[in-house]
N, C-alpha and C. Protein backbone atom coordinates (compact mmCIF):
# COMPACT_ATOMS: atom_id res chain seq x y z
N UNK A 1 9.99 66.44 -1.03
CA UNK A 1 9.66 65.19 -0.57
C UNK A 1 10.94 64.15 -0.58
N UNK A 2 11.40 63.89 0.72
CA UNK A 2 12.61 63.28 0.86
C UNK A 2 12.64 62.10 1.83
N UNK A 3 13.40 61.17 1.68
CA UNK A 3 13.70 60.12 2.64
C UNK A 3 14.87 60.60 3.44
N UNK A 4 14.80 60.69 4.84
CA UNK A 4 15.96 61.02 5.67
C UNK A 4 16.43 59.96 6.56
N UNK A 5 17.61 59.84 6.65
CA UNK A 5 18.17 58.73 7.55
C UNK A 5 18.78 59.48 8.80
N UNK A 6 18.34 59.02 9.94
CA UNK A 6 18.76 59.49 11.31
C UNK A 6 19.42 58.39 12.06
N UNK A 7 20.50 58.82 12.65
CA UNK A 7 21.30 57.88 13.50
C UNK A 7 21.10 58.28 15.03
N UNK A 8 20.98 57.25 15.79
CA UNK A 8 20.67 57.51 17.21
C UNK A 8 21.90 58.00 18.01
N UNK A 9 21.69 58.94 18.83
CA UNK A 9 22.75 59.43 19.79
C UNK A 9 22.46 58.68 21.04
N UNK A 10 23.05 59.18 22.16
CA UNK A 10 22.92 58.49 23.50
C UNK A 10 21.54 58.69 23.97
N UNK A 11 20.86 59.64 23.62
CA UNK A 11 19.51 59.91 24.27
C UNK A 11 18.31 59.66 23.41
N UNK A 12 18.40 60.07 22.14
CA UNK A 12 17.29 60.03 21.23
C UNK A 12 17.57 59.14 20.05
N UNK A 13 16.58 58.47 19.29
CA UNK A 13 16.74 57.65 18.21
C UNK A 13 16.95 58.65 17.01
N UNK A 14 16.14 59.69 17.04
CA UNK A 14 16.15 60.69 15.93
C UNK A 14 17.20 61.77 16.47
N UNK A 15 18.45 61.42 16.58
CA UNK A 15 19.44 62.32 17.13
C UNK A 15 20.23 63.10 16.11
N UNK A 16 20.72 62.44 15.02
CA UNK A 16 21.60 63.03 14.10
C UNK A 16 21.16 62.65 12.66
N UNK A 17 20.83 63.78 11.88
CA UNK A 17 20.46 63.41 10.48
C UNK A 17 21.66 63.14 9.73
N UNK A 18 21.83 61.96 9.03
CA UNK A 18 23.00 61.65 8.30
C UNK A 18 22.89 62.11 6.79
N UNK A 19 21.78 61.74 6.14
CA UNK A 19 21.77 62.00 4.69
C UNK A 19 20.24 62.07 4.26
N UNK A 20 19.94 62.76 3.16
CA UNK A 20 18.58 62.65 2.53
C UNK A 20 18.56 62.11 1.21
N UNK A 21 17.59 61.34 0.71
CA UNK A 21 17.51 60.77 -0.49
C UNK A 21 16.12 60.95 -1.18
N UNK A 22 16.04 60.95 -2.48
CA UNK A 22 14.71 60.98 -3.12
C UNK A 22 14.05 59.67 -3.05
N UNK A 23 14.76 58.61 -3.37
CA UNK A 23 14.28 57.27 -3.44
C UNK A 23 14.57 56.49 -2.00
N UNK A 24 13.58 55.60 -1.66
CA UNK A 24 13.73 54.81 -0.47
C UNK A 24 14.78 53.78 -0.64
N UNK A 25 14.95 53.10 -1.83
CA UNK A 25 15.90 52.12 -1.99
C UNK A 25 17.28 52.56 -1.95
N UNK A 26 17.56 53.99 -2.34
CA UNK A 26 19.00 54.58 -2.16
C UNK A 26 19.13 54.77 -0.64
N UNK A 27 18.14 55.23 0.12
CA UNK A 27 18.33 55.43 1.54
C UNK A 27 18.68 54.17 2.37
N UNK A 28 17.82 53.12 1.93
CA UNK A 28 18.12 51.79 2.54
C UNK A 28 19.55 51.30 2.26
N UNK A 29 19.96 51.41 1.05
CA UNK A 29 21.32 50.88 0.74
C UNK A 29 22.34 51.77 1.51
N UNK A 30 22.14 52.97 1.68
CA UNK A 30 23.15 53.77 2.35
C UNK A 30 23.15 53.41 3.80
N UNK A 31 22.05 53.30 4.44
CA UNK A 31 21.97 52.79 5.80
C UNK A 31 22.64 51.49 6.11
N UNK A 32 22.34 50.50 5.21
CA UNK A 32 23.04 49.28 5.37
C UNK A 32 24.51 49.40 5.51
N UNK A 33 25.12 50.23 4.63
CA UNK A 33 26.61 50.41 4.72
C UNK A 33 27.11 51.20 5.80
N UNK A 34 26.34 52.12 6.25
CA UNK A 34 26.82 53.19 7.32
C UNK A 34 26.33 52.90 8.80
N UNK A 35 25.13 52.51 8.91
CA UNK A 35 24.67 52.21 10.20
C UNK A 35 24.80 50.79 10.56
N UNK A 36 24.75 49.93 9.63
CA UNK A 36 24.99 48.52 9.91
C UNK A 36 23.85 47.91 10.77
N UNK A 37 22.65 48.11 10.36
CA UNK A 37 21.44 47.58 11.25
C UNK A 37 21.21 46.18 10.76
N UNK A 38 20.58 45.39 11.62
CA UNK A 38 20.29 43.96 11.33
C UNK A 38 18.95 43.85 10.83
N UNK A 39 17.82 44.66 11.22
CA UNK A 39 16.47 44.59 10.79
C UNK A 39 15.82 45.97 10.57
N UNK A 40 14.81 46.07 9.81
CA UNK A 40 14.04 47.32 9.72
C UNK A 40 12.62 47.02 10.10
N UNK A 41 12.24 47.84 11.16
CA UNK A 41 10.70 47.57 11.69
C UNK A 41 9.90 48.77 11.39
N UNK A 42 8.74 48.48 10.85
CA UNK A 42 7.72 49.52 10.61
C UNK A 42 7.49 50.32 11.86
N UNK A 43 7.33 51.66 11.65
CA UNK A 43 6.99 52.52 12.89
C UNK A 43 5.49 52.79 12.99
N UNK A 44 5.23 53.81 13.74
CA UNK A 44 3.69 54.19 14.00
C UNK A 44 3.02 54.61 12.67
N UNK A 45 3.77 55.31 11.75
CA UNK A 45 3.07 55.72 10.53
C UNK A 45 3.71 54.95 9.34
N UNK A 46 3.09 54.99 8.23
CA UNK A 46 3.48 54.19 7.07
C UNK A 46 4.90 54.75 6.48
N UNK A 47 5.30 55.92 6.84
CA UNK A 47 6.48 56.51 6.32
C UNK A 47 7.60 56.56 7.29
N UNK A 48 7.61 55.64 8.21
CA UNK A 48 8.54 55.74 9.36
C UNK A 48 9.02 54.25 9.69
N UNK A 49 10.37 54.04 9.67
CA UNK A 49 10.96 52.76 9.97
C UNK A 49 12.06 52.91 10.88
N UNK A 50 12.15 52.00 11.77
CA UNK A 50 13.23 51.88 12.80
C UNK A 50 14.27 50.85 12.40
N UNK A 51 15.58 51.27 12.52
CA UNK A 51 16.69 50.48 12.23
C UNK A 51 17.10 49.85 13.53
N UNK A 52 17.08 48.56 13.77
CA UNK A 52 17.47 47.87 14.94
C UNK A 52 18.80 47.08 14.78
N UNK A 53 19.44 46.95 15.95
CA UNK A 53 20.64 46.03 15.97
C UNK A 53 20.22 44.54 16.22
N UNK A 54 21.12 43.72 16.39
CA UNK A 54 20.83 42.27 16.61
C UNK A 54 20.07 42.14 17.83
N UNK A 55 20.14 42.88 18.96
CA UNK A 55 19.50 42.89 20.21
C UNK A 55 18.07 43.39 20.21
N UNK A 56 17.69 44.01 19.05
CA UNK A 56 16.41 44.69 19.01
C UNK A 56 16.38 46.16 19.46
N UNK A 57 17.44 46.73 19.74
CA UNK A 57 17.44 48.13 20.14
C UNK A 57 17.55 49.02 18.94
N UNK A 58 16.74 50.12 18.88
CA UNK A 58 16.81 51.00 17.72
C UNK A 58 18.05 51.77 17.70
N UNK A 59 18.67 51.71 16.62
CA UNK A 59 20.01 52.47 16.40
C UNK A 59 19.82 53.60 15.29
N UNK A 60 18.59 53.80 14.71
CA UNK A 60 18.45 54.70 13.68
C UNK A 60 17.02 54.67 13.13
N UNK A 61 16.71 55.65 12.25
CA UNK A 61 15.38 55.78 11.69
C UNK A 61 15.45 56.14 10.26
N UNK A 62 14.46 55.72 9.59
CA UNK A 62 14.35 56.14 8.02
C UNK A 62 13.02 56.82 8.10
N UNK A 63 12.80 58.09 7.69
CA UNK A 63 11.56 58.83 7.62
C UNK A 63 11.46 59.42 6.29
N UNK A 64 10.01 59.43 5.82
CA UNK A 64 9.66 60.28 4.63
C UNK A 64 9.15 61.58 4.98
N UNK A 65 9.74 62.58 4.63
CA UNK A 65 9.28 64.04 4.91
C UNK A 65 8.78 64.63 3.70
N UNK A 66 7.64 65.28 3.83
CA UNK A 66 6.98 66.08 2.65
C UNK A 66 6.99 67.45 3.05
N UNK A 67 7.51 68.26 2.08
CA UNK A 67 7.66 69.70 2.38
C UNK A 67 6.76 70.50 1.22
């Protein structure tokens, strides 16, 4: 069970997985430093968040994966 940070490439939001974390707080802190998003928006499921820039375009995702 891990939180994954994905960074958008030119075609897809879930383009490149950057890192995995056990705690959501650690994942959010890492994303703030490396993706530099302006806001986090809840996705379709409760374990999915979109990271958006100041214009509202998604530039990354934070997803909780259970294995």
